[in-house]
Amino acid sequence: MNKLVLPQTKTIGEWSYLGIQKHFQKMLSHEAAVLQDRDPEQLHQMRIGMR
Protein backbone atom coordinates (compact mmCIF):
# COMPACT_ATOMS: atom_id res chain seq x y z
CA MET A 1 0.00 0.00 0.00
CA ASN A 2 1.27 3.45 -0.87
CA LYS A 3 1.79 6.05 1.82
CA LEU A 4 -0.89 8.73 1.81
CA VAL A 5 0.46 12.13 0.77
CA LEU A 6 -1.43 14.94 2.47
CA PRO A 7 -1.76 18.11 0.42
CA GLN A 8 -2.47 21.49 1.97
CA THR A 9 -6.18 20.79 2.52
CA LYS A 10 -8.48 23.77 2.59
CA THR A 11 -11.94 22.65 1.52
CA ILE A 12 -14.49 20.17 2.85
CA GLY A 13 -14.30 18.43 -0.53
CA GLU A 14 -10.58 17.80 -0.08
CA TRP A 15 -11.12 16.48 3.46
CA SER A 16 -13.87 14.20 2.13
CA TYR A 17 -11.60 12.91 -0.62
CA LEU A 18 -8.87 12.08 1.92
CA GLY A 19 -11.32 10.24 4.16
CA ILE A 20 -12.75 8.21 1.31
CA GLN A 21 -9.27 7.41 -0.01
CA LYS A 22 -8.09 6.26 3.43
CA HIS A 23 -11.02 3.90 4.02
CA PHE A 24 -10.99 2.58 0.45
CA GLN A 25 -7.32 1.62 0.84
CA LYS A 26 -8.12 0.01 4.19
CA MET A 27 -10.92 -1.98 2.57
CA LEU A 28 -8.65 -3.14 -0.26
CA SER A 29 -6.03 -4.33 2.24
CA HIS A 30 -8.45 -7.13 3.24
CA GLU A 31 -9.28 -8.24 -0.32
CA ALA A 32 -6.79 -11.11 -0.62
CA ALA A 33 -7.81 -12.64 2.71
CA VAL A 34 -11.51 -12.32 1.85
CA LEU A 35 -10.97 -14.11 -1.45
CA GLN A 36 -9.26 -16.99 0.40
CA ASP A 37 -12.55 -17.39 2.33
CA ARG A 38 -10.94 -18.81 5.50
CA ASP A 39 -11.67 -16.20 8.15
CA PRO A 40 -15.00 -14.33 8.37
CA GLU A 41 -13.28 -11.56 10.33
CA GLN A 42 -11.57 -10.36 7.15
CA LEU A 43 -14.93 -9.93 5.42
CA HIS A 44 -16.22 -8.10 8.48
CA GLN A 45 -13.24 -5.72 8.43
CA MET A 46 -13.68 -5.14 4.70
CA ARG A 47 -17.33 -4.23 5.24
CA ILE A 48 -16.38 -1.84 8.04
CA GLY A 49 -14.05 -0.07 5.62
CA MET A 50 -16.98 0.46 3.26
CA ARG A 51 -19.11 2.33 5.81
PDB file of N, CA and C in Angstrom:
ATOM      1  N   MET A   1       0.847  -1.170   0.000  1.00  0.00           N
ATOM      2  CA  MET A   1       0.000   0.000   0.000  1.00  0.00           C
ATOM      3  C   MET A   1       0.891   1.231   0.000  1.00  0.00           C
ATOM      4  N   ASN A   2       0.515   2.213  -0.783  1.00  0.00           N
ATOM      5  CA  ASN A   2       1.274   3.454  -0.868  1.00  0.00           C
ATOM      6  C   ASN A   2       0.973   4.343   0.323  1.00  0.00           C
ATOM      7  N   LYS A   3       1.979   5.105   0.726  1.00  0.00           N
ATOM      8  CA  LYS A   3       1.785   6.052   1.821  1.00  0.00           C
ATOM      9  C   LYS A   3       0.944   7.226   1.331  1.00  0.00           C
ATOM     10  N   LEU A   4       0.010   7.642   2.148  1.00  0.00           N
ATOM     11  CA  LEU A   4      -0.887   8.735   1.805  1.00  0.00           C
ATOM     12  C   LEU A   4      -0.138  10.055   1.891  1.00  0.00           C
ATOM     13  N   VAL A   5      -0.175  10.818   0.807  1.00  0.00           N
ATOM     14  CA  VAL A   5       0.462  12.134   0.770  1.00  0.00           C
ATOM     15  C   VAL A   5      -0.609  13.173   1.038  1.00  0.00           C
ATOM     16  N   LEU A   6      -0.437  13.951   2.092  1.00  0.00           N
ATOM     17  CA  LEU A   6      -1.428  14.944   2.468  1.00  0.00           C
ATOM     18  C   LEU A   6      -1.103  16.300   1.861  1.00  0.00           C
ATOM     19  N   PRO A   7      -1.961  16.763   0.969  1.00  0.00           N
ATOM     20  CA  PRO A   7      -1.760  18.108   0.419  1.00  0.00           C
ATOM     21  C   PRO A   7      -2.212  19.152   1.429  1.00  0.00           C
ATOM     22  N   GLN A   8      -1.987  20.398   1.125  1.00  0.00           N
ATOM     23  CA  GLN A   8      -2.465  21.495   1.967  1.00  0.00           C
ATOM     24  C   GLN A   8      -3.987  21.546   1.797  1.00  0.00           C
ATOM     25  N   THR A   9      -4.726  20.866   2.682  1.00  0.00           N
ATOM     26  CA  THR A   9      -6.177  20.794   2.520  1.00  0.00           C
ATOM     27  C   THR A   9      -6.848  22.054   3.032  1.00  0.00           C
ATOM     28  N   LYS A  10      -7.810  22.532   2.243  1.00  0.00           N
ATOM     29  CA  LYS A  10      -8.485  23.769   2.589  1.00  0.00           C
ATOM     30  C   LYS A  10      -9.998  23.663   2.483  1.00  0.00           C
ATOM     31  N   THR A  11     -10.501  22.717   1.725  1.00  0.00           N
ATOM     32  CA  THR A  11     -11.944  22.647   1.523  1.00  0.00           C
ATOM     33  C   THR A  11     -12.511  21.357   2.105  1.00  0.00           C
ATOM     34  N   ILE A  12     -13.824  21.368   2.350  1.00  0.00           N
ATOM     35  CA  ILE A  12     -14.491  20.169   2.849  1.00  0.00           C
ATOM     36  C   ILE A  12     -14.423  19.050   1.812  1.00  0.00           C
ATOM     37  N   GLY A  13     -14.421  19.419   0.534  1.00  0.00           N
ATOM     38  CA  GLY A  13     -14.296  18.427  -0.527  1.00  0.00           C
ATOM     39  C   GLY A  13     -12.968  17.692  -0.473  1.00  0.00           C
ATOM     40  N   GLU A  14     -11.902  18.431  -0.194  1.00  0.00           N
ATOM     41  CA  GLU A  14     -10.576  17.803  -0.085  1.00  0.00           C
ATOM     42  C   GLU A  14     -10.509  16.894   1.140  1.00  0.00           C
ATOM     43  N   TRP A  15     -11.087  17.326   2.258  1.00  0.00           N
ATOM     44  CA  TRP A  15     -11.115  16.477   3.456  1.00  0.00           C
ATOM     45  C   TRP A  15     -11.921  15.211   3.181  1.00  0.00           C
ATOM     46  N   SER A  16     -13.035  15.358   2.478  1.00  0.00           N
ATOM     47  CA  SER A  16     -13.870  14.205   2.133  1.00  0.00           C
ATOM     48  C   SER A  16     -13.095  13.228   1.260  1.00  0.00           C
ATOM     49  N   TYR A  17     -12.395  13.752   0.269  1.00  0.00           N
ATOM     50  CA  TYR A  17     -11.598  12.912  -0.620  1.00  0.00           C
ATOM     51  C   TYR A  17     -10.568  12.115   0.184  1.00  0.00           C
ATOM     52  N   LEU A  18      -9.883  12.767   1.106  1.00  0.00           N
ATOM     53  CA  LEU A  18      -8.870  12.082   1.915  1.00  0.00           C
ATOM     54  C   LEU A  18      -9.489  10.978   2.764  1.00  0.00           C
ATOM     55  N   GLY A  19     -10.646  11.256   3.347  1.00  0.00           N
ATOM     56  CA  GLY A  19     -11.319  10.244   4.164  1.00  0.00           C
ATOM     57  C   GLY A  19     -11.747   9.043   3.343  1.00  0.00           C
ATOM     58  N   ILE A  20     -12.318   9.300   2.184  1.00  0.00           N
ATOM     59  CA  ILE A  20     -12.753   8.210   1.308  1.00  0.00           C
ATOM     60  C   ILE A  20     -11.551   7.409   0.830  1.00  0.00           C
ATOM     61  N   GLN A  21     -10.481   8.091   0.455  1.00  0.00           N
ATOM     62  CA  GLN A  21      -9.272   7.413  -0.012  1.00  0.00           C
ATOM     63  C   GLN A  21      -8.695   6.515   1.087  1.00  0.00           C
ATOM     64  N   LYS A  22      -8.639   7.018   2.304  1.00  0.00           N
ATOM     65  CA  LYS A  22      -8.091   6.256   3.431  1.00  0.00           C
ATOM     66  C   LYS A  22      -8.884   4.974   3.663  1.00  0.00           C
ATOM     67  N   HIS A  23     -10.199   5.073   3.721  1.00  0.00           N
ATOM     68  CA  HIS A  23     -11.021   3.902   4.019  1.00  0.00           C
ATOM     69  C   HIS A  23     -11.103   2.943   2.836  1.00  0.00           C
ATOM     70  N   PHE A  24     -11.015   3.454   1.622  1.00  0.00           N
ATOM     71  CA  PHE A  24     -10.986   2.583   0.452  1.00  0.00           C
ATOM     72  C   PHE A  24      -9.714   1.741   0.458  1.00  0.00           C
ATOM     73  N   GLN A  25      -8.580   2.357   0.762  1.00  0.00           N
ATOM     74  CA  GLN A  25      -7.318   1.617   0.838  1.00  0.00           C
ATOM     75  C   GLN A  25      -7.367   0.578   1.956  1.00  0.00           C
ATOM     76  N   LYS A  26      -7.977   0.944   3.074  1.00  0.00           N
ATOM     77  CA  LYS A  26      -8.124   0.013   4.195  1.00  0.00           C
ATOM     78  C   LYS A  26      -8.967  -1.190   3.769  1.00  0.00           C
ATOM     79  N   MET A  27     -10.051  -0.918   3.050  1.00  0.00           N
ATOM     80  CA  MET A  27     -10.920  -1.981   2.568  1.00  0.00           C
ATOM     81  C   MET A  27     -10.152  -2.905   1.625  1.00  0.00           C
ATOM     82  N   LEU A  28      -9.395  -2.328   0.698  1.00  0.00           N
ATOM     83  CA  LEU A  28      -8.646  -3.136  -0.259  1.00  0.00           C
ATOM     84  C   LEU A  28      -7.565  -3.984   0.407  1.00  0.00           C
ATOM     85  N   SER A  29      -7.068  -3.556   1.551  1.00  0.00           N
ATOM     86  CA  SER A  29      -6.026  -4.326   2.236  1.00  0.00           C
ATOM     87  C   SER A  29      -6.543  -5.684   2.718  1.00  0.00           C
ATOM     88  N   HIS A  30      -7.848  -5.866   2.789  1.00  0.00           N
ATOM     89  CA  HIS A  30      -8.446  -7.131   3.237  1.00  0.00           C
ATOM     90  C   HIS A  30      -8.882  -8.018   2.073  1.00  0.00           C
ATOM     91  N   GLU A  31      -8.751  -7.530   0.850  1.00  0.00           N
ATOM     92  CA  GLU A  31      -9.278  -8.242  -0.316  1.00  0.00           C
ATOM     93  C   GLU A  31      -8.704  -9.651  -0.475  1.00  0.00           C
ATOM     94  N   ALA A  32      -7.402  -9.798  -0.403  1.00  0.00           N
ATOM     95  CA  ALA A  32      -6.786 -11.114  -0.622  1.00  0.00           C
ATOM     96  C   ALA A  32      -7.274 -12.136   0.403  1.00  0.00           C
ATOM     97  N   ALA A  33      -7.351 -11.729   1.664  1.00  0.00           N
ATOM     98  CA  ALA A  33      -7.808 -12.644   2.714  1.00  0.00           C
ATOM     99  C   ALA A  33      -9.285 -13.000   2.533  1.00  0.00           C
ATOM    100  N   VAL A  34     -10.088 -12.047   2.092  1.00  0.00           N
ATOM    101  CA  VAL A  34     -11.512 -12.319   1.853  1.00  0.00           C
ATOM    102  C   VAL A  34     -11.660 -13.338   0.727  1.00  0.00           C
ATOM    103  N   LEU A  35     -10.878 -13.190  -0.320  1.00  0.00           N
ATOM    104  CA  LEU A  35     -10.965 -14.114  -1.450  1.00  0.00           C
ATOM    105  C   LEU A  35     -10.522 -15.525  -1.077  1.00  0.00           C
ATOM    106  N   GLN A  36      -9.665 -15.662  -0.064  1.00  0.00           N
ATOM    107  CA  GLN A  36      -9.262 -16.990   0.403  1.00  0.00           C
ATOM    108  C   GLN A  36     -10.400 -17.679   1.143  1.00  0.00           C
ATOM    109  N   ASP A  37     -11.335 -16.891   1.681  1.00  0.00           N
ATOM    110  CA  ASP A  37     -12.546 -17.393   2.330  1.00  0.00           C
ATOM    111  C   ASP A  37     -12.249 -18.343   3.493  1.00  0.00           C
ATOM    112  N   ARG A  38     -11.282 -17.971   4.345  1.00  0.00           N
ATOM    113  CA  ARG A  38     -10.942 -18.810   5.497  1.00  0.00           C
ATOM    114  C   ARG A  38     -11.345 -18.195   6.827  1.00  0.00           C
ATOM    115  N   ASP A  39     -11.392 -16.876   6.885  1.00  0.00           N
ATOM    116  CA  ASP A  39     -11.666 -16.196   8.153  1.00  0.00           C
ATOM    117  C   ASP A  39     -12.749 -15.140   7.943  1.00  0.00           C
ATOM    118  N   PRO A  40     -13.924 -15.314   8.562  1.00  0.00           N
ATOM    119  CA  PRO A  40     -14.998 -14.335   8.366  1.00  0.00           C
ATOM    120  C   PRO A  40     -14.654 -12.947   8.908  1.00  0.00           C
ATOM    121  N   GLU A  41     -13.678 -12.858   9.784  1.00  0.00           N
ATOM    122  CA  GLU A  41     -13.280 -11.556  10.333  1.00  0.00           C
ATOM    123  C   GLU A  41     -12.763 -10.628   9.239  1.00  0.00           C
ATOM    124  N   GLN A  42     -12.095 -11.187   8.245  1.00  0.00           N
ATOM    125  CA  GLN A  42     -11.574 -10.359   7.153  1.00  0.00           C
ATOM    126  C   GLN A  42     -12.711  -9.720   6.356  1.00  0.00           C
ATOM    127  N   LEU A  43     -13.767 -10.485   6.111  1.00  0.00           N
ATOM    128  CA  LEU A  43     -14.931  -9.928   5.420  1.00  0.00           C
ATOM    129  C   LEU A  43     -15.576  -8.841   6.274  1.00  0.00           C
ATOM    130  N   HIS A  44     -15.664  -9.098   7.562  1.00  0.00           N
ATOM    131  CA  HIS A  44     -16.221  -8.104   8.485  1.00  0.00           C
ATOM    132  C   HIS A  44     -15.412  -6.803   8.426  1.00  0.00           C
ATOM    133  N   GLN A  45     -14.092  -6.910   8.475  1.00  0.00           N
ATOM    134  CA  GLN A  45     -13.244  -5.721   8.429  1.00  0.00           C
ATOM    135  C   GLN A  45     -13.366  -4.996   7.084  1.00  0.00           C
ATOM    136  N   MET A  46     -13.510  -5.751   6.013  1.00  0.00           N
ATOM    137  CA  MET A  46     -13.680  -5.136   4.699  1.00  0.00           C
ATOM    138  C   MET A  46     -14.993  -4.353   4.653  1.00  0.00           C
ATOM    139  N   ARG A  47     -16.032  -4.921   5.219  1.00  0.00           N
ATOM    140  CA  ARG A  47     -17.330  -4.234   5.241  1.00  0.00           C
ATOM    141  C   ARG A  47     -17.272  -2.976   6.101  1.00  0.00           C
ATOM    142  N   ILE A  48     -16.538  -3.024   7.197  1.00  0.00           N
ATOM    143  CA  ILE A  48     -16.382  -1.837   8.041  1.00  0.00           C
ATOM    144  C   ILE A  48     -15.719  -0.714   7.245  1.00  0.00           C
ATOM    145  N   GLY A  49     -14.731  -1.061   6.440  1.00  0.00           N
ATOM    146  CA  GLY A  49     -14.051  -0.066   5.620  1.00  0.00           C
ATOM    147  C   GLY A  49     -14.951   0.585   4.584  1.00  0.00           C
ATOM    148  N   MET A  50     -16.054  -0.080   4.261  1.00  0.00           N
ATOM    149  CA  MET A  50     -16.976   0.456   3.261  1.00  0.00           C
ATOM    150  C   MET A  50     -18.011   1.405   3.865  1.00  0.00           C
ATOM    151  N   ARG A  51     -18.093   1.471   5.170  1.00  0.00           N
ATOM    152  CA  ARG A  51     -19.109   2.330   5.811  1.00  0.00           C
ATOM    153  C   ARG A  51     -18.842   3.781   5.574  1.00  0.00           C
TER     154      ARG A  51
END
